[in-house]
Amino acid sequence: MNQNIILTIVEFVASLLIEGVILAMIFNFISNKNQAKQQEFIATELNNIEKQNKFDYEQFQNSIQTAKQEIISQIKESTKDAKP
């Protein structure tokens, strides 16, 4: 009887260890899969932000160029009018 109890306890502990290892592997796999999806999403978002920033930069450059041309034109007009 005593030997049966010891074998049952050993079997129970072994099954707990095996189940724990299997569950840890499953949770690790799920975690890695979710992490990969998250990294892919972040990479896509960063790419979108980079495209938007590039577009904004080009728009600012165009606005600056237009303003520069307008200022030069106004200076030229005012110097024409100022000459006697």
N, C-alpha and C. Protein backbone atom coordinates (compact mmCIF):
# COMPACT_ATOMS: atom_id res chain seq x y z
N MET A 1 0.83 -1.20 0.00
CA MET A 1 0.00 0.00 0.00
C MET A 1 0.86 1.24 0.00
N ASN A 2 1.89 1.21 0.81
CA ASN A 2 2.77 2.35 0.90
C ASN A 2 3.48 2.61 -0.43
N GLN A 3 3.85 1.54 -1.13
CA GLN A 3 4.54 1.66 -2.41
C GLN A 3 3.60 2.23 -3.47
N ASN A 4 2.33 1.84 -3.45
CA ASN A 4 1.34 2.36 -4.40
C ASN A 4 1.14 3.86 -4.22
N ILE A 5 1.12 4.32 -2.99
CA ILE A 5 0.96 5.76 -2.71
C ILE A 5 2.17 6.53 -3.25
N ILE A 6 3.35 6.01 -3.03
CA ILE A 6 4.57 6.68 -3.51
C ILE A 6 4.57 6.72 -5.04
N LEU A 7 4.21 5.61 -5.68
CA LEU A 7 4.16 5.57 -7.15
C LEU A 7 3.10 6.54 -7.70
N THR A 8 1.98 6.63 -7.03
CA THR A 8 0.92 7.56 -7.44
C THR A 8 1.41 9.00 -7.33
N ILE A 9 2.09 9.31 -6.25
CA ILE A 9 2.61 10.67 -6.06
C ILE A 9 3.68 10.98 -7.11
N VAL A 10 4.57 10.05 -7.37
CA VAL A 10 5.61 10.25 -8.39
C VAL A 10 4.98 10.42 -9.76
N GLU A 11 3.98 9.59 -10.06
CA GLU A 11 3.28 9.71 -11.34
C GLU A 11 2.57 11.06 -11.46
N PHE A 12 1.96 11.50 -10.39
CA PHE A 12 1.26 12.79 -10.37
C PHE A 12 2.25 13.95 -10.60
N VAL A 13 3.38 13.92 -9.92
CA VAL A 13 4.39 14.97 -10.06
C VAL A 13 4.95 14.97 -11.49
N ALA A 14 5.22 13.78 -12.02
CA ALA A 14 5.75 13.68 -13.38
C ALA A 14 4.75 14.23 -14.39
N SER A 15 3.48 13.89 -14.21
CA SER A 15 2.47 14.39 -15.15
C SER A 15 2.33 15.90 -15.05
N LEU A 16 2.44 16.45 -13.83
CA LEU A 16 2.39 17.91 -13.67
C LEU A 16 3.56 18.58 -14.39
N LEU A 17 4.74 17.99 -14.24
CA LEU A 17 5.91 18.55 -14.90
C LEU A 17 5.78 18.51 -16.43
N ILE A 18 5.34 17.38 -16.94
CA ILE A 18 5.18 17.24 -18.39
C ILE A 18 4.11 18.20 -18.91
N GLU A 19 2.98 18.27 -18.24
CA GLU A 19 1.92 19.20 -18.65
C GLU A 19 2.40 20.64 -18.56
N GLY A 20 3.16 20.94 -17.52
CA GLY A 20 3.69 22.30 -17.38
C GLY A 20 4.61 22.66 -18.51
N VAL A 21 5.48 21.74 -18.92
CA VAL A 21 6.40 21.99 -20.03
C VAL A 21 5.62 22.17 -21.33
N ILE A 22 4.64 21.31 -21.55
CA ILE A 22 3.83 21.42 -22.78
C ILE A 22 3.07 22.74 -22.81
N LEU A 23 2.45 23.11 -21.70
CA LEU A 23 1.73 24.39 -21.65
C LEU A 23 2.67 25.57 -21.84
N ALA A 24 3.85 25.50 -21.25
CA ALA A 24 4.83 26.59 -21.42
C ALA A 24 5.23 26.72 -22.88
N MET A 25 5.41 25.60 -23.57
CA MET A 25 5.76 25.64 -24.98
C MET A 25 4.63 26.25 -25.81
N ILE A 26 3.40 25.87 -25.50
CA ILE A 26 2.24 26.42 -26.23
C ILE A 26 2.12 27.92 -26.00
N PHE A 27 2.22 28.35 -24.74
CA PHE A 27 2.11 29.78 -24.45
C PHE A 27 3.26 30.56 -25.08
N ASN A 28 4.45 29.98 -25.09
CA ASN A 28 5.60 30.63 -25.72
C ASN A 28 5.38 30.78 -27.22
N PHE A 29 4.84 29.75 -27.86
CA PHE A 29 4.54 29.82 -29.29
C PHE A 29 3.52 30.91 -29.58
N ILE A 30 2.45 30.96 -28.78
CA ILE A 30 1.42 31.99 -28.97
C ILE A 30 2.00 33.38 -28.76
N SER A 31 2.82 33.53 -27.76
CA SER A 31 3.44 34.82 -27.46
C SER A 31 4.34 35.27 -28.60
N ASN A 32 5.14 34.36 -29.13
CA ASN A 32 6.03 34.69 -30.25
C ASN A 32 5.23 35.08 -31.49
N LYS A 33 4.15 34.38 -31.72
CA LYS A 33 3.30 34.68 -32.89
C LYS A 33 2.68 36.07 -32.75
N ASN A 34 2.17 36.38 -31.56
CA ASN A 34 1.60 37.70 -31.34
C ASN A 34 2.66 38.80 -31.44
N GLN A 35 3.84 38.52 -30.94
CA GLN A 35 4.92 39.50 -30.99
C GLN A 35 5.32 39.76 -32.45
N ALA A 36 5.35 38.73 -33.27
CA ALA A 36 5.69 38.90 -34.68
C ALA A 36 4.63 39.75 -35.38
N LYS A 37 3.36 39.50 -35.08
CA LYS A 37 2.29 40.31 -35.67
C LYS A 37 2.40 41.76 -35.24
N GLN A 38 2.72 41.96 -33.97
CA GLN A 38 2.85 43.32 -33.44
C GLN A 38 4.02 44.05 -34.11
N GLN A 39 5.14 43.36 -34.30
CA GLN A 39 6.29 43.98 -34.96
C GLN A 39 5.98 44.33 -36.40
N GLU A 40 5.23 43.46 -37.07
CA GLU A 40 4.83 43.73 -38.46
C GLU A 40 3.92 44.96 -38.52
N PHE A 41 2.99 45.05 -37.58
CA PHE A 41 2.08 46.20 -37.53
C PHE A 41 2.85 47.49 -37.27
N ILE A 42 3.80 47.43 -36.34
CA ILE A 42 4.60 48.61 -36.01
C ILE A 42 5.43 49.03 -37.21
N ALA A 43 6.01 48.07 -37.92
CA ALA A 43 6.81 48.38 -39.11
C ALA A 43 5.94 49.05 -40.17
N THR A 44 4.73 48.57 -40.36
CA THR A 44 3.81 49.17 -41.32
C THR A 44 3.44 50.60 -40.91
N GLU A 45 3.16 50.78 -39.63
CA GLU A 45 2.82 52.11 -39.14
C GLU A 45 3.99 53.09 -39.29
N LEU A 46 5.20 52.63 -38.99
CA LEU A 46 6.37 53.49 -39.14
C LEU A 46 6.59 53.85 -40.60
N ASN A 47 6.33 52.92 -41.50
CA ASN A 47 6.46 53.19 -42.93
C ASN A 47 5.43 54.24 -43.36
N ASN A 48 4.21 54.11 -42.85
CA ASN A 48 3.17 55.11 -43.17
C ASN A 48 3.55 56.49 -42.64
N ILE A 49 4.07 56.53 -41.42
CA ILE A 49 4.48 57.80 -40.83
C ILE A 49 5.62 58.42 -41.63
N GLU A 50 6.56 57.59 -42.07
CA GLU A 50 7.68 58.09 -42.86
C GLU A 50 7.19 58.68 -44.18
N LYS A 51 6.24 57.99 -44.83
CA LYS A 51 5.68 58.51 -46.09
C LYS A 51 4.97 59.84 -45.85
N GLN A 52 4.20 59.92 -44.75
CA GLN A 52 3.49 61.16 -44.44
C GLN A 52 4.46 62.29 -44.14
N ASN A 53 5.51 61.99 -43.38
CA ASN A 53 6.52 63.02 -43.07
C ASN A 53 7.21 63.51 -44.34
N LYS A 54 7.50 62.59 -45.25
CA LYS A 54 8.14 62.98 -46.52
C LYS A 54 7.21 63.88 -47.33
N PHE A 55 5.93 63.52 -47.37
CA PHE A 55 4.95 64.34 -48.08
C PHE A 55 4.85 65.73 -47.45
N ASP A 56 4.77 65.79 -46.12
CA ASP A 56 4.71 67.07 -45.42
C ASP A 56 5.95 67.90 -45.69
N TYR A 57 7.12 67.27 -45.68
CA TYR A 57 8.39 67.97 -45.94
C TYR A 57 8.37 68.57 -47.34
N GLU A 58 7.92 67.79 -48.33
CA GLU A 58 7.86 68.30 -49.70
C GLU A 58 6.88 69.46 -49.81
N GLN A 59 5.76 69.38 -49.11
CA GLN A 59 4.79 70.47 -49.12
C GLN A 59 5.39 71.74 -48.51
N PHE A 60 6.12 71.58 -47.38
CA PHE A 60 6.78 72.73 -46.77
C PHE A 60 7.82 73.32 -47.71
N GLN A 61 8.58 72.46 -48.37
CA GLN A 61 9.59 72.93 -49.32
C GLN A 61 8.93 73.72 -50.45
N ASN A 62 7.82 73.22 -50.97
CA ASN A 62 7.11 73.93 -52.03
C ASN A 62 6.58 75.27 -51.53
N SER A 63 6.04 75.29 -50.32
CA SER A 63 5.53 76.54 -49.76
C SER A 63 6.64 77.55 -49.56
N ILE A 64 7.78 77.09 -49.07
CA ILE A 64 8.93 77.98 -48.87
C ILE A 64 9.41 78.52 -50.21
N GLN A 65 9.49 77.66 -51.22
CA GLN A 65 9.94 78.09 -52.54
C GLN A 65 8.98 79.12 -53.12
N THR A 66 7.68 78.88 -52.98
CA THR A 66 6.68 79.83 -53.49
C THR A 66 6.79 81.17 -52.76
N ALA A 67 6.93 81.13 -51.44
CA ALA A 67 7.06 82.36 -50.66
C ALA A 67 8.33 83.11 -51.06
N LYS A 68 9.40 82.39 -51.27
CA LYS A 68 10.68 83.00 -51.68
C LYS A 68 10.52 83.70 -53.03
N GLN A 69 9.87 83.03 -53.97
CA GLN A 69 9.66 83.64 -55.29
C GLN A 69 8.77 84.88 -55.19
N GLU A 70 7.74 84.83 -54.35
CA GLU A 70 6.87 85.98 -54.18
C GLU A 70 7.63 87.16 -53.56
N ILE A 71 8.47 86.88 -52.58
CA ILE A 71 9.26 87.95 -51.93
C ILE A 71 10.22 88.57 -52.93
N ILE A 72 10.87 87.73 -53.73
CA ILE A 72 11.81 88.25 -54.74
C ILE A 72 11.06 89.10 -55.76
N SER A 73 9.89 88.65 -56.19
CA SER A 73 9.08 89.42 -57.14
C SER A 73 8.68 90.76 -56.55
N GLN A 74 8.26 90.76 -55.27
CA GLN A 74 7.87 92.01 -54.63
C GLN A 74 9.06 92.95 -54.50
N ILE A 75 10.21 92.42 -54.19
CA ILE A 75 11.42 93.26 -54.07
C ILE A 75 11.75 93.86 -55.43
N LYS A 76 11.69 93.05 -56.49
CA LYS A 76 11.97 93.56 -57.83
C LYS A 76 10.99 94.66 -58.23
N GLU A 77 9.70 94.45 -57.92
CA GLU A 77 8.69 95.46 -58.25
C GLU A 77 8.93 96.75 -57.46
N SER A 78 9.25 96.61 -56.19
CA SER A 78 9.44 97.81 -55.38
C SER A 78 10.71 98.54 -55.80
N THR A 79 11.75 97.84 -56.25
CA THR A 79 12.96 98.53 -56.71
C THR A 79 12.73 99.18 -58.06
N LYS A 80 11.85 98.63 -58.91
CA LYS A 80 11.50 99.25 -60.18
C LYS A 80 10.77 100.57 -59.93
N ASP A 81 9.83 100.53 -59.00
CA ASP A 81 9.03 101.72 -58.70
C ASP A 81 9.88 102.78 -57.99
N ALA A 82 10.88 102.39 -57.26
CA ALA A 82 11.69 103.34 -56.50
C ALA A 82 12.69 104.06 -57.38
N LYS A 83 13.09 103.49 -58.52
CA LYS A 83 14.06 104.14 -59.41
C LYS A 83 13.39 105.32 -60.14
N PRO A 84 14.06 106.48 -60.14
CA PRO A 84 13.47 107.65 -60.83
C PRO A 84 13.71 107.62 -62.32
